[in-house]
Protein backbone atom coordinates (compact mmCIF):
# COMPACT_ATOMS: atom_id res chain seq x y z
CA MET A 1 -75.28 -48.06 170.53
CA THR A 2 -76.19 -50.85 168.03
CA SER A 3 -73.27 -50.32 165.65
CA PRO A 4 -69.95 -52.02 166.60
CA GLY A 5 -67.80 -49.47 168.15
CA PRO A 6 -64.30 -49.33 169.97
CA THR A 7 -63.55 -51.68 172.78
CA LEU A 8 -64.08 -50.12 176.26
CA SER A 9 -61.09 -49.42 178.39
CA ASP A 10 -60.77 -51.65 181.60
CA GLU A 11 -61.66 -48.32 183.57
CA GLU A 12 -64.65 -47.71 181.47
CA LYS A 13 -66.00 -51.30 181.56
CA LEU A 14 -65.65 -51.12 185.52
CA ASP A 15 -67.79 -48.06 185.57
CA TRP A 16 -70.24 -49.86 183.47
CA LEU A 17 -70.28 -52.79 185.77
CA ARG A 18 -70.57 -50.46 188.78
CA LEU A 19 -73.54 -48.60 187.15
CA ILE A 20 -75.27 -51.78 185.99
CA ARG A 21 -75.05 -53.52 189.37
CA CYS A 22 -76.53 -50.53 191.05
CA ASP A 23 -79.87 -51.36 192.64
CA GLY A 24 -82.69 -49.69 190.63
CA ILE A 25 -80.87 -49.39 187.31
CA GLY A 26 -81.96 -51.61 184.57
CA PRO A 27 -80.82 -52.11 180.96
CA ILE A 28 -83.36 -49.39 179.74
CA SER A 29 -82.62 -46.84 182.37
CA PHE A 30 -78.80 -47.61 182.04
CA LYS A 31 -79.06 -46.72 178.38
CA GLY A 32 -81.08 -43.68 178.99
CA LEU A 33 -78.60 -42.39 181.75
CA LEU A 34 -75.74 -43.01 179.40
CA GLU A 35 -77.20 -41.12 176.63
CA SER A 36 -78.27 -38.21 178.73
CA HIS A 37 -74.75 -37.88 180.75
CA GLY A 38 -72.36 -39.05 178.11
CA SER A 39 -70.46 -41.71 180.10
CA ALA A 40 -70.99 -44.10 183.11
CA ARG A 41 -68.51 -42.09 185.20
CA ALA A 42 -70.65 -38.86 184.55
CA VAL A 43 -73.70 -40.75 185.59
CA ILE A 44 -72.11 -42.21 188.72
CA GLU A 45 -70.99 -38.80 189.79
CA ALA A 46 -74.61 -37.34 189.06
CA LEU A 47 -76.09 -40.24 190.88
CA PRO A 48 -77.13 -38.40 194.12
CA ASP A 49 -79.11 -35.75 192.09
CA ILE A 50 -80.68 -38.57 189.93
CA ALA A 51 -81.89 -40.37 193.12
CA ARG A 52 -83.27 -37.11 194.53
CA ARG A 53 -85.15 -36.55 191.30
CA SER A 54 -86.35 -40.10 191.04
CA GLY A 55 -87.31 -40.25 194.64
CA ARG A 56 -85.65 -43.59 194.86
CA ALA A 57 -82.45 -44.79 196.77
CA LEU A 58 -79.75 -45.75 194.15
CA LYS A 59 -77.17 -47.80 196.08
CA LEU A 60 -73.76 -48.31 194.20
CA PRO A 61 -72.01 -51.60 194.77
CA SER A 62 -68.93 -51.61 196.89
CA ASP A 63 -65.50 -51.82 195.21
CA ALA A 64 -64.87 -55.01 197.19
CA SER A 65 -68.07 -56.94 195.59
CA LEU A 66 -66.87 -55.64 192.09
CA GLN A 67 -63.36 -56.91 192.67
CA ARG A 68 -64.68 -60.15 193.72
CA GLU A 69 -66.82 -60.50 190.73
CA LEU A 70 -64.01 -59.69 188.37
CA GLN A 71 -61.63 -62.19 190.21
CA ALA A 72 -64.30 -64.85 189.88
CA MET A 73 -64.70 -64.15 186.34
CA ALA A 74 -61.02 -64.31 185.69
CA THR A 75 -60.79 -67.54 187.40
CA LEU A 76 -63.50 -69.08 185.41
CA GLY A 77 -61.84 -67.72 182.10
CA ALA A 78 -64.94 -65.54 181.47
CA ARG A 79 -65.02 -62.13 180.23
CA PHE A 80 -67.67 -59.02 179.93
CA VAL A 81 -68.75 -58.00 176.46
CA ALA A 82 -70.22 -54.43 176.38
CA LEU A 83 -72.99 -53.19 174.30
CA GLY A 84 -71.50 -51.45 171.34
CA GLU A 85 -68.23 -53.52 171.24
CA ALA A 86 -67.54 -55.49 168.05
CA ASP A 87 -67.90 -58.79 169.84
CA TYR A 88 -71.51 -57.88 171.08
CA PRO A 89 -74.18 -59.54 168.79
CA LEU A 90 -75.86 -56.97 166.60
CA SER A 91 -79.05 -58.92 166.60
CA LEU A 92 -79.17 -58.58 170.47
CA ALA A 93 -78.17 -55.02 170.41
CA ALA A 94 -81.11 -54.00 168.22
CA ILE A 95 -83.63 -54.84 171.15
CA ASP A 96 -84.45 -51.97 173.56
CA SER A 97 -83.56 -53.70 176.64
CA ALA A 98 -80.21 -55.09 175.40
CA PRO A 99 -78.04 -55.92 178.41
CA PRO A 100 -75.29 -53.25 178.70
CA LEU A 101 -72.91 -55.97 179.86
CA LEU A 102 -72.81 -59.71 178.95
CA ALA A 103 -70.68 -62.06 181.02
CA ALA A 104 -69.32 -64.73 178.34
CA TRP A 105 -67.66 -68.00 179.26
CA GLY A 106 -66.04 -69.71 176.29
CA SER A 107 -65.76 -69.00 172.64
CA LEU A 108 -67.44 -65.99 171.12
CA THR A 109 -67.24 -67.35 167.66
CA PRO A 110 -70.82 -68.78 167.67
CA LEU A 111 -72.11 -65.23 168.29
CA SER A 112 -70.95 -64.06 164.84
CA ARG A 113 -72.89 -66.83 162.97
CA PRO A 114 -76.59 -66.50 162.33
CA MET A 115 -78.53 -67.80 165.40
CA VAL A 116 -81.76 -69.73 165.80
CA ALA A 117 -83.30 -70.42 169.24
CA ILE A 118 -85.02 -73.96 170.04
CA VAL A 119 -86.85 -74.07 173.26
CA GLY A 120 -89.68 -75.90 174.69
CA ALA A 121 -90.85 -78.13 177.81
CA ARG A 122 -88.73 -79.06 180.72
CA ASN A 123 -90.78 -82.34 180.99
CA ALA A 124 -90.48 -83.03 177.33
CA SER A 125 -91.36 -86.26 175.85
CA ALA A 126 -88.82 -88.80 174.58
CA LEU A 127 -90.05 -87.91 171.05
CA GLY A 128 -89.90 -84.19 171.65
CA ARG A 129 -86.34 -84.38 172.87
CA ARG A 130 -85.26 -86.61 169.81
CA PHE A 131 -87.03 -84.15 167.35
CA ALA A 132 -85.26 -81.02 169.03
CA ALA A 133 -81.91 -83.02 168.85
CA VAL A 134 -82.27 -83.93 165.10
CA MET A 135 -83.41 -80.33 164.18
CA ALA A 136 -80.58 -78.66 166.17
CA THR A 137 -77.93 -80.88 164.65
CA GLU A 138 -79.34 -80.19 161.09
CA LEU A 139 -79.56 -76.52 161.70
CA ALA A 140 -76.09 -76.33 163.10
CA ASN A 141 -74.76 -78.14 160.14
CA ALA A 142 -76.52 -75.72 157.71
CA GLY A 143 -74.32 -72.94 159.50
CA PHE A 144 -76.65 -71.66 162.28
CA THR A 145 -75.74 -71.50 165.98
CA VAL A 146 -78.35 -73.07 168.14
CA VAL A 147 -79.28 -70.77 171.21
CA SER A 148 -81.27 -71.97 174.12
CA GLY A 149 -81.72 -71.60 178.01
CA LEU A 150 -79.83 -74.54 179.34
CA ALA A 151 -83.09 -75.86 181.03
CA ARG A 152 -84.22 -79.48 181.23
CA GLY A 153 -86.05 -81.13 178.42
CA ILE A 154 -86.03 -79.49 174.93
CA ASP A 155 -83.14 -77.00 175.85
CA GLU A 156 -80.80 -79.74 176.95
CA ALA A 157 -81.51 -81.84 173.81
CA ALA A 158 -80.71 -79.03 171.54
CA HIS A 159 -77.53 -78.02 173.51
CA SER A 160 -76.37 -81.71 173.76
CA ALA A 161 -76.86 -82.27 170.03
CA THR A 162 -74.68 -79.20 169.04
CA ILE A 163 -71.72 -79.05 171.45
CA ALA A 164 -69.33 -79.88 168.65
CA ASN A 165 -70.78 -76.98 166.41
CA GLY A 166 -70.61 -74.31 169.23
CA THR A 167 -73.87 -73.76 170.80
CA VAL A 168 -74.94 -70.66 173.02
CA ALA A 169 -76.58 -71.28 176.43
CA VAL A 170 -78.18 -68.19 178.28
CA VAL A 171 -78.63 -68.82 182.11
CA GLY A 172 -80.99 -67.10 184.42
CA GLY A 173 -78.54 -66.82 187.21
CA GLY A 174 -74.85 -66.08 187.35
CA LEU A 175 -72.06 -67.91 185.82
CA GLY A 176 -70.95 -68.88 189.44
CA ASN A 177 -74.49 -70.56 189.93
CA ILE A 178 -75.57 -72.66 186.96
CA TYR A 179 -79.29 -73.55 187.09
CA PRO A 180 -80.31 -76.27 187.26
CA PRO A 181 -77.21 -77.49 189.02
CA GLN A 182 -77.46 -80.92 187.35
CA HIS A 183 -76.43 -78.94 183.96
CA ALA A 184 -73.19 -77.70 185.48
CA GLN A 185 -71.14 -80.17 183.52
CA LEU A 186 -73.23 -79.50 180.28
CA ALA A 187 -72.30 -75.81 180.91
CA ARG A 188 -68.72 -76.66 181.06
CA ASP A 189 -68.80 -78.81 177.89
CA ILE A 190 -70.59 -75.92 176.00
CA SER A 191 -67.91 -73.60 177.15
CA ALA A 192 -65.22 -75.57 175.23
CA THR A 193 -66.62 -74.75 172.10
CA GLY A 194 -69.58 -72.56 172.44
CA CYS A 195 -70.43 -70.04 174.78
CA VAL A 196 -72.40 -69.57 178.16
CA MET A 197 -73.96 -66.14 178.76
CA SER A 198 -75.55 -64.12 181.65
CA GLU A 199 -76.39 -60.53 182.41
CA MET A 200 -76.65 -61.40 186.11
CA PRO A 201 -73.91 -61.00 188.79
CA PHE A 202 -71.53 -63.94 188.88
CA GLY A 203 -72.67 -65.53 192.19
CA TRP A 204 -76.58 -64.86 191.48
CA VAL A 205 -78.91 -67.58 192.28
CA ALA A 206 -81.63 -67.63 189.79
CA THR A 207 -85.36 -66.85 190.88
CA ALA A 208 -88.50 -67.19 188.98
CA ARG A 209 -88.41 -63.51 187.80
CA ASP A 210 -85.06 -63.97 186.22
CA PHE A 211 -86.20 -66.43 183.64
CA PRO A 212 -88.34 -63.96 181.56
CA LYS A 213 -85.24 -61.77 181.34
CA ARG A 214 -83.14 -64.73 180.13
CA ASN A 215 -85.85 -65.55 177.67
CA ARG A 216 -85.43 -61.97 176.15
CA ILE A 217 -81.89 -62.53 175.52
CA VAL A 218 -82.23 -65.96 173.95
CA SER A 219 -84.94 -64.47 171.31
CA GLY A 220 -82.86 -61.35 170.96
CA LEU A 221 -79.87 -63.21 169.82
CA SER A 222 -81.89 -65.13 167.26
CA LEU A 223 -83.24 -64.36 163.87
CA GLY A 224 -86.24 -66.81 164.84
CA VAL A 225 -87.46 -69.03 167.77
CA VAL A 226 -88.62 -72.62 167.47
CA ILE A 227 -90.98 -73.75 169.90
CA ILE A 228 -91.20 -77.59 170.67
CA GLU A 229 -93.74 -78.83 173.20
CA ALA A 230 -95.11 -75.76 175.10
CA ALA A 231 -97.97 -76.17 177.75
CA ALA A 232 -100.60 -73.65 177.85
CA ARG A 233 -98.88 -71.72 180.53
CA SER A 234 -95.11 -72.15 180.12
CA GLY A 235 -91.96 -70.04 179.88
CA SER A 236 -91.52 -70.88 176.30
CA LEU A 237 -94.72 -68.73 175.54
CA ILE A 238 -92.95 -65.93 177.20
CA THR A 239 -90.18 -66.40 174.67
CA ALA A 240 -92.74 -66.56 171.82
CA ARG A 241 -94.18 -63.29 173.05
CA LEU A 242 -90.84 -61.55 173.34
CA ALA A 243 -89.81 -63.00 169.94
CA LEU A 244 -92.83 -61.25 168.17
CA GLU A 245 -92.04 -57.96 170.13
CA GLN A 246 -88.59 -58.09 168.90
CA GLY A 247 -89.51 -58.64 165.38
CA ARG A 248 -88.06 -62.38 165.20
CA GLU A 249 -89.60 -65.17 163.21
CA LEU A 250 -91.92 -67.38 165.29
CA MET A 251 -91.99 -71.27 164.55
CA ALA A 252 -93.69 -74.19 166.26
CA ALA A 253 -93.64 -77.91 165.96
CA PRO A 254 -97.27 -79.36 165.96
CA GLY A 255 -98.01 -82.05 168.45
CA SER A 256 -100.70 -84.48 169.49
CA PRO A 257 -103.66 -82.46 170.99
CA LEU A 258 -104.30 -85.22 173.45
CA ASP A 259 -100.69 -84.37 175.22
CA PRO A 260 -101.08 -81.16 177.32
CA ARG A 261 -97.47 -80.30 176.58
CA ASN A 262 -98.58 -79.40 172.93
CA GLU A 263 -101.48 -77.10 173.95
CA GLY A 264 -99.39 -73.82 173.82
CA SER A 265 -97.46 -74.68 170.70
CA ASN A 266 -100.46 -75.92 168.81
CA LYS A 267 -102.34 -72.59 169.88
CA LEU A 268 -99.44 -70.76 168.39
CA LEU A 269 -99.82 -72.50 165.18
CA ARG A 270 -103.55 -71.82 165.26
CA GLU A 271 -102.92 -68.15 165.58
CA GLY A 272 -100.44 -68.03 162.74
CA ALA A 273 -96.99 -69.27 163.88
CA ILE A 274 -94.96 -70.91 161.14
CA LEU A 275 -95.46 -74.71 161.18
CA VAL A 276 -92.10 -76.47 161.20
CA ARG A 277 -91.86 -80.30 160.37
CA HIS A 278 -88.08 -80.44 160.02
CA ALA A 279 -84.95 -78.17 159.78
CA GLY A 280 -85.71 -77.46 156.26
CA ASP A 281 -88.89 -75.53 157.14
CA VAL A 282 -86.75 -73.38 159.45
CA LEU A 283 -84.05 -72.74 156.92
CA GLU A 284 -86.71 -71.88 154.36
CA ALA A 285 -87.94 -69.05 156.89
CA LEU A 286 -84.60 -67.66 158.01
CA THR A 287 -82.20 -68.18 155.16
CA PRO A 288 -83.58 -64.96 153.42
CA LEU A 289 -82.99 -63.19 156.71
CA VAL A 290 -79.24 -63.93 157.16
CA GLU A 291 -78.01 -61.18 154.95
CA ARG A 292 -80.20 -58.52 156.13
CA PRO A 293 -79.57 -56.36 159.15
CA ALA A 294 -81.21 -57.27 162.40
CA PRO A 295 -84.98 -56.55 162.58
CA PRO A 296 -86.08 -53.46 164.63
CA PRO A 297 -88.56 -54.53 167.49
CA ARG A 298 -92.28 -54.36 166.34
CA ARG A 299 -95.57 -54.61 167.91
CA PRO A 300 -97.36 -57.88 167.45
CA VAL A 301 -100.10 -57.78 164.53
CA GLN A 302 -103.56 -58.28 166.23
CA PRO A 303 -105.50 -60.51 166.34
CA ARG A 304 -102.82 -62.73 164.94
CA PHE A 305 -101.19 -63.27 168.49
CA SER A 306 -103.04 -62.06 171.43
CA PHE A 307 -100.34 -61.69 174.01
CA ASP A 308 -101.00 -58.01 175.10
CA ASP A 309 -103.64 -55.52 175.21
CA THR A 310 -102.11 -52.74 173.37
CA SER A 311 -104.96 -50.19 173.51
CA PRO A 312 -103.83 -46.71 174.40
CA ALA A 313 -104.85 -45.39 177.65
CA SER A 314 -106.96 -42.40 178.26
CA PRO A 315 -104.73 -39.22 178.59
CA SER A 316 -107.21 -37.80 181.03
CA THR A 317 -106.81 -40.08 183.91
CA PRO A 318 -105.32 -37.93 186.77
CA PRO A 319 -102.34 -38.88 188.68
CA ALA A 320 -103.08 -40.41 192.12
CA VAL A 321 -100.18 -38.54 193.99
CA SER A 322 -98.22 -35.74 192.57
CA THR A 323 -94.49 -36.53 192.03
CA GLY A 324 -93.40 -32.73 192.55
CA ASP A 325 -92.33 -32.76 188.77
CA PRO A 326 -94.81 -31.18 186.30
CA ASP A 327 -93.54 -33.33 183.44
CA GLN A 328 -93.78 -36.78 185.42
CA ASP A 329 -97.21 -35.76 186.58
CA ARG A 330 -98.34 -35.17 182.92
CA LEU A 331 -96.90 -38.50 182.01
CA ILE A 332 -98.79 -40.31 184.80
CA ALA A 333 -101.95 -38.61 183.73
CA ALA A 334 -101.48 -40.07 180.10
CA LEU A 335 -100.56 -43.53 181.20
CA GLY A 336 -102.58 -46.36 182.32
CA PRO A 337 -102.40 -50.27 182.70
CA SER A 338 -102.36 -50.88 178.84
CA PRO A 339 -99.00 -50.19 177.05
CA VAL A 340 -98.54 -46.88 175.17
CA ALA A 341 -96.07 -46.01 172.42
CA MET A 342 -93.72 -43.13 172.83
CA ASP A 343 -95.20 -41.17 169.91
CA GLU A 344 -98.68 -41.43 171.53
CA LEU A 345 -97.32 -39.85 174.74
CA VAL A 346 -95.63 -37.10 172.83
CA ARG A 347 -98.97 -36.03 171.63
CA ALA A 348 -100.82 -36.57 174.52
CA CYS A 349 -98.65 -34.66 176.87
CA GLY A 350 -97.83 -31.78 174.68
CA LEU A 351 -94.04 -32.23 175.49
CA ASP A 352 -91.19 -32.70 173.30
CA ALA A 353 -89.67 -36.35 172.81
CA ARG A 354 -86.69 -35.43 174.94
CA ARG A 355 -88.63 -34.37 177.89
CA VAL A 356 -90.73 -37.39 177.55
CA GLN A 357 -87.66 -39.51 177.44
CA LEU A 358 -86.05 -37.88 180.64
CA ALA A 359 -89.42 -37.95 182.50
CA LEU A 360 -89.92 -41.63 181.56
CA LEU A 361 -86.42 -42.49 182.78
CA GLU A 362 -86.94 -40.79 186.29
CA LEU A 363 -90.50 -42.59 186.50
CA ASP A 364 -88.78 -45.93 185.57
CA MET A 365 -86.08 -45.68 188.24
CA SER A 366 -88.75 -44.61 190.83
CA GLY A 367 -90.66 -47.93 189.92
CA ARG A 368 -93.76 -46.02 188.66
CA ILE A 369 -93.87 -47.55 185.13
CA GLU A 370 -93.28 -50.80 183.35
CA ARG A 371 -91.31 -51.02 180.00
CA HIS A 372 -92.53 -53.26 177.15
CA GLY A 373 -91.08 -54.29 173.73
CA ASN A 374 -90.50 -51.54 171.16
CA GLY A 375 -90.52 -48.66 173.69
CA MET A 376 -94.04 -49.28 174.85
CA VAL A 377 -94.72 -48.23 178.58
CA SER A 378 -97.44 -48.59 180.95
CA LEU A 379 -98.28 -47.36 184.50
CA LEU A 380 -97.75 -49.55 187.38
């Protein structure tokens, strides 16, 4: 599903929308269900049995709610782009949690150019905002599309500087509830020449847990991510971790150690991120990647960046409660709180890869496991 394919029919796209809006089905489980059943319609028909096996209530949205969303999209002038269609960015399609459907408001042309993300502090300094604007302008003039998250501070500066070139904004809520609200006009301006994107329902009000989801799209679209002013605990560092998991180049601008807004970005530099002083440094890192295919997700190299503990769990830990399914129980016994790779699970459980994938899908839908980058999973 990562190579451009035919455009889905309206009926197929409606089935995709119905399935991805189903409570309990996320991007990874959507992809697994589609691969195991062949089509979204077949998954929908099999949903009662899937719910029984997973032990989780799977409630499909009403036809009325889907029609309201489609009408709102049409009124705004937005459209859905499906994973596998020609207009879906190949770089984003390469990550394992690629959104099956993206709501796109504006022009899709910027998505066909090489992309670079610029993110950073919401409470950015005046110098940081100016640096972001200058760098974004120079990168856009060099043929790159600048991607960011429409937040205050660094994001706003990067978007505002590149509206004429066509910038891409990924929002945490729905297109009908731009966050922050004061950036509603900025979103409209971006849509005139660039694109505002969301995977959430049209009227969705963004919550704290939605922004890491947005961040994976920001980094997934891009060849590399530039961090400008990031505190020790900030959403920008989440984007940095995701960029590493997705195999993207991680870059950071140095800042005064006396300013806490630079503590996180300076730490990234200390641990091996590419130091960027100007757009030329970014172009030097990314230009060789432009003609290459999108990189596959990869695990961070330790100890260069210590975002996650990737030590394998002991396969001898017994399951707390039997699921009633032998394959799921064997997987639970092999899992722990630390992420484990698929090939390790196959070896530990003595099951073939397909049985492991199906059991993981059911455990995912029942809320028993957490998915990480590059197919890594852990027990919740």
